[in-house]
Amino acid sequence: MFLLYALIYVGFVAINIARPALMEAEVLWGLNLAVVYGFFLIIFALILALVYNHLCGKKEAELTATRSEEVK
């Protein structure tokens, strides 16, 4: 998940380095690419955090069930 986010962020940085004028282009509801891409990065990070939390909770429940079976 980190590598996926890092690749998307590298795309943001690459656009800013290679074609900074492109960030001024309006893309959605009158907002420019820089704002839309920035909000996307924030929302995507939150989604990844929720997925990570879900996966960790699932694994924690699995380990707890395994340990309780070992005790019996």
PDB file of N, CA and C in Angstrom:
ATOM      1  N   MET A   1       0.831  -1.188   0.000  1.00  0.00           N
ATOM      2  CA  MET A   1       0.000   0.000   0.000  1.00  0.00           C
ATOM      3  C   MET A   1       0.876   1.253   0.000  1.00  0.00           C
ATOM      4  N   PHE A   2       1.968   1.191   0.754  1.00  0.00           N
ATOM      5  CA  PHE A   2       2.869   2.342   0.789  1.00  0.00           C
ATOM      6  C   PHE A   2       3.456   2.613  -0.581  1.00  0.00           C
ATOM      7  N   LEU A   3       3.873   1.558  -1.270  1.00  0.00           N
ATOM      8  CA  LEU A   3       4.455   1.747  -2.600  1.00  0.00           C
ATOM      9  C   LEU A   3       3.440   2.311  -3.582  1.00  0.00           C
ATOM     10  N   LEU A   4       2.206   1.865  -3.497  1.00  0.00           N
ATOM     11  CA  LEU A   4       1.153   2.405  -4.358  1.00  0.00           C
ATOM     12  C   LEU A   4       0.981   3.900  -4.118  1.00  0.00           C
ATOM     13  N   TYR A   5       0.886   4.293  -2.840  1.00  0.00           N
ATOM     14  CA  TYR A   5       0.731   5.708  -2.517  1.00  0.00           C
ATOM     15  C   TYR A   5       1.958   6.492  -2.957  1.00  0.00           C
ATOM     16  N   ALA A   6       3.136   5.924  -2.733  1.00  0.00           N
ATOM     17  CA  ALA A   6       4.376   6.608  -3.112  1.00  0.00           C
ATOM     18  C   ALA A   6       4.427   6.845  -4.621  1.00  0.00           C
ATOM     19  N   LEU A   7       3.998   5.863  -5.402  1.00  0.00           N
ATOM     20  CA  LEU A   7       3.996   6.029  -6.860  1.00  0.00           C
ATOM     21  C   LEU A   7       3.050   7.144  -7.297  1.00  0.00           C
ATOM     22  N   ILE A   8       1.887   7.199  -6.684  1.00  0.00           N
ATOM     23  CA  ILE A   8       0.929   8.249  -7.027  1.00  0.00           C
ATOM     24  C   ILE A   8       1.483   9.616  -6.617  1.00  0.00           C
ATOM     25  N   TYR A   9       2.137   9.682  -5.462  1.00  0.00           N
ATOM     26  CA  TYR A   9       2.731  10.935  -5.011  1.00  0.00           C
ATOM     27  C   TYR A   9       3.896  11.347  -5.919  1.00  0.00           C
ATOM     28  N   VAL A  10       4.675  10.381  -6.367  1.00  0.00           N
ATOM     29  CA  VAL A  10       5.767  10.684  -7.300  1.00  0.00           C
ATOM     30  C   VAL A  10       5.203  11.300  -8.580  1.00  0.00           C
ATOM     31  N   GLY A  11       4.033  10.816  -9.005  1.00  0.00           N
ATOM     32  CA  GLY A  11       3.388  11.420 -10.173  1.00  0.00           C
ATOM     33  C   GLY A  11       3.058  12.883  -9.944  1.00  0.00           C
ATOM     34  N   PHE A  12       2.577  13.199  -8.753  1.00  0.00           N
ATOM     35  CA  PHE A  12       2.271  14.589  -8.392  1.00  0.00           C
ATOM     36  C   PHE A  12       3.537  15.444  -8.439  1.00  0.00           C
ATOM     37  N   VAL A  13       4.601  14.958  -7.856  1.00  0.00           N
ATOM     38  CA  VAL A  13       5.866  15.695  -7.838  1.00  0.00           C
ATOM     39  C   VAL A  13       6.430  15.822  -9.248  1.00  0.00           C
ATOM     40  N   ALA A  14       6.340  14.749 -10.030  1.00  0.00           N
ATOM     41  CA  ALA A  14       6.863  14.773 -11.395  1.00  0.00           C
ATOM     42  C   ALA A  14       6.154  15.819 -12.247  1.00  0.00           C
ATOM     43  N   ILE A  15       4.847  15.916 -12.109  1.00  0.00           N
ATOM     44  CA  ILE A  15       4.113  16.936 -12.858  1.00  0.00           C
ATOM     45  C   ILE A  15       4.584  18.330 -12.436  1.00  0.00           C
ATOM     46  N   ASN A  16       4.770  18.531 -11.139  1.00  0.00           N
ATOM     47  CA  ASN A  16       5.224  19.833 -10.655  1.00  0.00           C
ATOM     48  C   ASN A  16       6.625  20.183 -11.136  1.00  0.00           C
ATOM     49  N   ILE A  17       7.462  19.192 -11.308  1.00  0.00           N
ATOM     50  CA  ILE A  17       8.830  19.445 -11.775  1.00  0.00           C
ATOM     51  C   ILE A  17       8.870  19.616 -13.291  1.00  0.00           C
ATOM     52  N   ALA A  18       8.242  18.698 -14.011  1.00  0.00           N
ATOM     53  CA  ALA A  18       8.343  18.677 -15.465  1.00  0.00           C
ATOM     54  C   ALA A  18       7.435  19.694 -16.159  1.00  0.00           C
ATOM     55  N   ARG A  19       6.205  19.819 -15.681  1.00  0.00           N
ATOM     56  CA  ARG A  19       5.249  20.719 -16.340  1.00  0.00           C
ATOM     57  C   ARG A  19       4.417  21.456 -15.300  1.00  0.00           C
ATOM     58  N   PRO A  20       5.007  22.377 -14.581  1.00  0.00           N
ATOM     59  CA  PRO A  20       4.265  23.070 -13.525  1.00  0.00           C
ATOM     60  C   PRO A  20       3.047  23.849 -14.029  1.00  0.00           C
ATOM     61  N   ALA A  21       3.089  24.300 -15.270  1.00  0.00           N
ATOM     62  CA  ALA A  21       1.946  25.032 -15.818  1.00  0.00           C
ATOM     63  C   ALA A  21       0.720  24.128 -15.934  1.00  0.00           C
ATOM     64  N   LEU A  22       0.924  22.837 -16.061  1.00  0.00           N
ATOM     65  CA  LEU A  22      -0.180  21.889 -16.161  1.00  0.00           C
ATOM     66  C   LEU A  22      -1.025  21.882 -14.888  1.00  0.00           C
ATOM     67  N   MET A  23      -0.402  22.177 -13.760  1.00  0.00           N
ATOM     68  CA  MET A  23      -1.129  22.197 -12.491  1.00  0.00           C
ATOM     69  C   MET A  23      -2.160  23.323 -12.432  1.00  0.00           C
ATOM     70  N   GLU A  24      -2.050  24.299 -13.318  1.00  0.00           N
ATOM     71  CA  GLU A  24      -2.999  25.414 -13.342  1.00  0.00           C
ATOM     72  C   GLU A  24      -4.267  25.093 -14.133  1.00  0.00           C
ATOM     73  N   ALA A  25      -4.248  24.009 -14.875  1.00  0.00           N
ATOM     74  CA  ALA A  25      -5.387  23.665 -15.728  1.00  0.00           C
ATOM     75  C   ALA A  25      -6.600  23.299 -14.873  1.00  0.00           C
ATOM     76  N   GLU A  26      -7.755  23.846 -15.246  1.00  0.00           N
ATOM     77  CA  GLU A  26      -8.995  23.514 -14.546  1.00  0.00           C
ATOM     78  C   GLU A  26      -9.436  22.124 -14.976  1.00  0.00           C
ATOM     79  N   VAL A  27      -9.725  21.278 -13.993  1.00  0.00           N
ATOM     80  CA  VAL A  27     -10.104  19.902 -14.323  1.00  0.00           C
ATOM     81  C   VAL A  27     -11.460  19.489 -13.773  1.00  0.00           C
ATOM     82  N   LEU A  28     -11.894  20.083 -12.665  1.00  0.00           N
ATOM     83  CA  LEU A  28     -13.124  19.619 -12.039  1.00  0.00           C
ATOM     84  C   LEU A  28     -13.767  20.749 -11.264  1.00  0.00           C
ATOM     85  N   TRP A  29     -14.995  21.084 -11.589  1.00  0.00           N
ATOM     86  CA  TRP A  29     -15.778  22.111 -10.897  1.00  0.00           C
ATOM     87  C   TRP A  29     -15.030  23.434 -10.737  1.00  0.00           C
ATOM     88  N   GLY A  30     -14.247  23.800 -11.708  1.00  0.00           N
ATOM     89  CA  GLY A  30     -13.509  25.053 -11.663  1.00  0.00           C
ATOM     90  C   GLY A  30     -12.241  25.001 -10.828  1.00  0.00           C
ATOM     91  N   LEU A  31     -11.902  23.828 -10.308  1.00  0.00           N
ATOM     92  CA  LEU A  31     -10.682  23.674  -9.514  1.00  0.00           C
ATOM     93  C   LEU A  31      -9.539  23.237 -10.417  1.00  0.00           C
ATOM     94  N   ASN A  32      -8.344  23.710 -10.096  1.00  0.00           N
ATOM     95  CA  ASN A  32      -7.209  23.333 -10.921  1.00  0.00           C
ATOM     96  C   ASN A  32      -6.669  21.960 -10.523  1.00  0.00           C
ATOM     97  N   LEU A  33      -5.778  21.438 -11.357  1.00  0.00           N
ATOM     98  CA  LEU A  33      -5.244  20.097 -11.149  1.00  0.00           C
ATOM     99  C   LEU A  33      -4.509  19.970  -9.821  1.00  0.00           C
ATOM    100  N   ALA A  34      -3.806  21.003  -9.415  1.00  0.00           N
ATOM    101  CA  ALA A  34      -3.054  20.947  -8.157  1.00  0.00           C
ATOM    102  C   ALA A  34      -3.984  20.699  -6.969  1.00  0.00           C
ATOM    103  N   VAL A  35      -5.101  21.399  -6.926  1.00  0.00           N
ATOM    104  CA  VAL A  35      -6.049  21.248  -5.819  1.00  0.00           C
ATOM    105  C   VAL A  35      -6.723  19.876  -5.871  1.00  0.00           C
ATOM    106  N   VAL A  36      -7.172  19.473  -7.045  1.00  0.00           N
ATOM    107  CA  VAL A  36      -7.858  18.185  -7.192  1.00  0.00           C
ATOM    108  C   VAL A  36      -6.908  17.037  -6.856  1.00  0.00           C
ATOM    109  N   TYR A  37      -5.695  17.096  -7.374  1.00  0.00           N
ATOM    110  CA  TYR A  37      -4.704  16.047  -7.112  1.00  0.00           C
ATOM    111  C   TYR A  37      -4.350  16.020  -5.621  1.00  0.00           C
ATOM    112  N   GLY A  38      -4.211  17.187  -5.021  1.00  0.00           N
ATOM    113  CA  GLY A  38      -3.904  17.266  -3.590  1.00  0.00           C
ATOM    114  C   GLY A  38      -5.002  16.655  -2.732  1.00  0.00           C
ATOM    115  N   PHE A  39      -6.244  17.004  -3.031  1.00  0.00           N
ATOM    116  CA  PHE A  39      -7.364  16.415  -2.284  1.00  0.00           C
ATOM    117  C   PHE A  39      -7.444  14.907  -2.514  1.00  0.00           C
ATOM    118  N   PHE A  40      -7.177  14.492  -3.760  1.00  0.00           N
ATOM    119  CA  PHE A  40      -7.171  13.062  -4.050  1.00  0.00           C
ATOM    120  C   PHE A  40      -6.129  12.340  -3.198  1.00  0.00           C
ATOM    121  N   LEU A  41      -4.939  12.920  -3.081  1.00  0.00           N
ATOM    122  CA  LEU A  41      -3.891  12.304  -2.263  1.00  0.00           C
ATOM    123  C   LEU A  41      -4.330  12.153  -0.808  1.00  0.00           C
ATOM    124  N   ILE A  42      -4.980  13.163  -0.281  1.00  0.00           N
ATOM    125  CA  ILE A  42      -5.438  13.109   1.107  1.00  0.00           C
ATOM    126  C   ILE A  42      -6.526  12.051   1.277  1.00  0.00           C
ATOM    127  N   ILE A  43      -7.511  12.059   0.402  1.00  0.00           N
ATOM    128  CA  ILE A  43      -8.614  11.100   0.493  1.00  0.00           C
ATOM    129  C   ILE A  43      -8.116   9.677   0.270  1.00  0.00           C
ATOM    130  N   PHE A  44      -7.207   9.506  -0.677  1.00  0.00           N
ATOM    131  CA  PHE A  44      -6.647   8.179  -0.946  1.00  0.00           C
ATOM    132  C   PHE A  44      -5.865   7.664   0.262  1.00  0.00           C
ATOM    133  N   ALA A  45      -5.138   8.544   0.929  1.00  0.00           N
ATOM    134  CA  ALA A  45      -4.405   8.141   2.141  1.00  0.00           C
ATOM    135  C   ALA A  45      -5.375   7.690   3.234  1.00  0.00           C
ATOM    136  N   LEU A  46      -6.478   8.392   3.376  1.00  0.00           N
ATOM    137  CA  LEU A  46      -7.478   7.981   4.371  1.00  0.00           C
ATOM    138  C   LEU A  46      -8.102   6.630   4.026  1.00  0.00           C
ATOM    139  N   ILE A  47      -8.374   6.407   2.758  1.00  0.00           N
ATOM    140  CA  ILE A  47      -8.930   5.122   2.326  1.00  0.00           C
ATOM    141  C   ILE A  47      -7.931   4.001   2.597  1.00  0.00           C
ATOM    142  N   LEU A  48      -6.664   4.239   2.273  1.00  0.00           N
ATOM    143  CA  LEU A  48      -5.650   3.227   2.549  1.00  0.00           C
ATOM    144  C   LEU A  48      -5.530   2.948   4.049  1.00  0.00           C
ATOM    145  N   ALA A  49      -5.664   3.980   4.864  1.00  0.00           N
ATOM    146  CA  ALA A  49      -5.612   3.799   6.315  1.00  0.00           C
ATOM    147  C   ALA A  49      -6.779   2.936   6.795  1.00  0.00           C
ATOM    148  N   LEU A  50      -7.957   3.147   6.234  1.00  0.00           N
ATOM    149  CA  LEU A  50      -9.118   2.332   6.607  1.00  0.00           C
ATOM    150  C   LEU A  50      -8.950   0.874   6.175  1.00  0.00           C
ATOM    151  N   VAL A  51      -8.410   0.674   4.992  1.00  0.00           N
ATOM    152  CA  VAL A  51      -8.149  -0.689   4.517  1.00  0.00           C
ATOM    153  C   VAL A  51      -7.130  -1.366   5.423  1.00  0.00           C
ATOM    154  N   TYR A  52      -6.062  -0.654   5.755  1.00  0.00           N
ATOM    155  CA  TYR A  52      -5.025  -1.199   6.629  1.00  0.00           C
ATOM    156  C   TYR A  52      -5.603  -1.549   8.001  1.00  0.00           C
ATOM    157  N   ASN A  53      -6.432  -0.671   8.540  1.00  0.00           N
ATOM    158  CA  ASN A  53      -7.059  -0.922   9.836  1.00  0.00           C
ATOM    159  C   ASN A  53      -7.942  -2.168   9.777  1.00  0.00           C
ATOM    160  N   HIS A  54      -8.693  -2.300   8.699  1.00  0.00           N
ATOM    161  CA  HIS A  54      -9.551  -3.474   8.538  1.00  0.00           C
ATOM    162  C   HIS A  54      -8.727  -4.760   8.480  1.00  0.00           C
ATOM    163  N   LEU A  55      -7.659  -4.740   7.680  1.00  0.00           N
ATOM    164  CA  LEU A  55      -6.817  -5.927   7.553  1.00  0.00           C
ATOM    165  C   LEU A  55      -6.151  -6.283   8.883  1.00  0.00           C
ATOM    166  N   CYS A  56      -5.691  -5.284   9.615  1.00  0.00           N
ATOM    167  CA  CYS A  56      -5.067  -5.542  10.921  1.00  0.00           C
ATOM    168  C   CYS A  56      -6.081  -6.075  11.923  1.00  0.00           C
ATOM    169  N   GLY A  57      -7.281  -5.522  11.936  1.00  0.00           N
ATOM    170  CA  GLY A  57      -8.318  -6.002  12.833  1.00  0.00           C
ATOM    171  C   GLY A  57      -8.705  -7.440  12.538  1.00  0.00           C
ATOM    172  N   LYS A  58      -8.786  -7.754  11.262  1.00  0.00           N
ATOM    173  CA  LYS A  58      -9.118  -9.116  10.850  1.00  0.00           C
ATOM    174  C   LYS A  58      -8.036 -10.096  11.310  1.00  0.00           C
ATOM    175  N   LYS A  59      -6.773  -9.722  11.114  1.00  0.00           N
ATOM    176  CA  LYS A  59      -5.668 -10.583  11.528  1.00  0.00           C
ATOM    177  C   LYS A  59      -5.605 -10.706  13.051  1.00  0.00           C
ATOM    178  N   GLU A  60      -5.873  -9.606  13.752  1.00  0.00           N
ATOM    179  CA  GLU A  60      -5.872  -9.644  15.210  1.00  0.00           C
ATOM    180  C   GLU A  60      -6.946 -10.593  15.731  1.00  0.00           C
ATOM    181  N   ALA A  61      -8.131 -10.548  15.136  1.00  0.00           N
ATOM    182  CA  ALA A  61      -9.211 -11.450  15.548  1.00  0.00           C
ATOM    183  C   ALA A  61      -8.830 -12.897  15.272  1.00  0.00           C
ATOM    184  N   GLU A  62      -8.191 -13.131  14.159  1.00  0.00           N
ATOM    185  CA  GLU A  62      -7.744 -14.476  13.809  1.00  0.00           C
ATOM    186  C   GLU A  62      -6.718 -14.994  14.818  1.00  0.00           C
ATOM    187  N   LEU A  63      -5.751 -14.152  15.180  1.00  0.00           N
ATOM    188  CA  LEU A  63      -4.734 -14.561  16.149  1.00  0.00           C
ATOM    189  C   LEU A  63      -5.323 -14.770  17.536  1.00  0.00           C
ATOM    190  N   THR A  64      -6.275 -13.943  17.917  1.00  0.00           N
ATOM    191  CA  THR A  64      -6.923 -14.098  19.220  1.00  0.00           C
ATOM    192  C   THR A  64      -7.692 -15.420  19.280  1.00  0.00           C
ATOM    193  N   ALA A  65      -8.378 -15.760  18.197  1.00  0.00           N
ATOM    194  CA  ALA A  65      -9.121 -17.019  18.149  1.00  0.00           C
ATOM    195  C   ALA A  65      -8.169 -18.209  18.212  1.00  0.00           C
ATOM    196  N   THR A  66      -7.047 -18.108  17.535  1.00  0.00           N
ATOM    197  CA  THR A  66      -6.060 -19.196  17.546  1.00  0.00           C
ATOM    198  C   THR A  66      -5.486 -19.377  18.947  1.00  0.00           C
ATOM    199  N   ARG A  67      -5.173 -18.300  19.618  1.00  0.00           N
ATOM    200  CA  ARG A  67      -4.602 -18.388  20.964  1.00  0.00           C
ATOM    201  C   ARG A  67      -5.610 -18.953  21.954  1.00  0.00           C
ATOM    202  N   SER A  68      -6.885 -18.556  21.820  1.00  0.00           N
ATOM    203  CA  SER A  68      -7.897 -19.066  22.753  1.00  0.00           C
ATOM    204  C   SER A  68      -8.114 -20.568  22.541  1.00  0.00           C
ATOM    205  N   GLU A  69      -7.957 -21.048  21.305  1.00  0.00           N
ATOM    206  CA  GLU A  69      -8.070 -22.478  21.043  1.00  0.00           C
ATOM    207  C   GLU A  69      -6.881 -23.230  21.631  1.00  0.00           C
ATOM    208  N   GLU A  70      -5.694 -22.620  21.615  1.00  0.00           N
ATOM    209  CA  GLU A  70      -4.503 -23.264  22.158  1.00  0.00           C
ATOM    210  C   GLU A  70      -4.583 -23.411  23.675  1.00  0.00           C
ATOM    211  N   VAL A  71      -5.235 -22.465  24.329  1.00  0.00           N
ATOM    212  CA  VAL A  71      -5.354 -22.480  25.783  1.00  0.00           C
ATOM    213  C   VAL A  71      -6.286 -23.605  26.231  1.00  0.00           C
ATOM    214  N   LYS A  72      -7.295 -23.903  25.440  1.00  0.00           N
ATOM    215  CA  LYS A  72      -8.300 -24.918  25.815  1.00  0.00           C
ATOM    216  C   LYS A  72      -7.726 -26.273  25.772  1.00  0.00           C
TER     217      LYS A  72
END
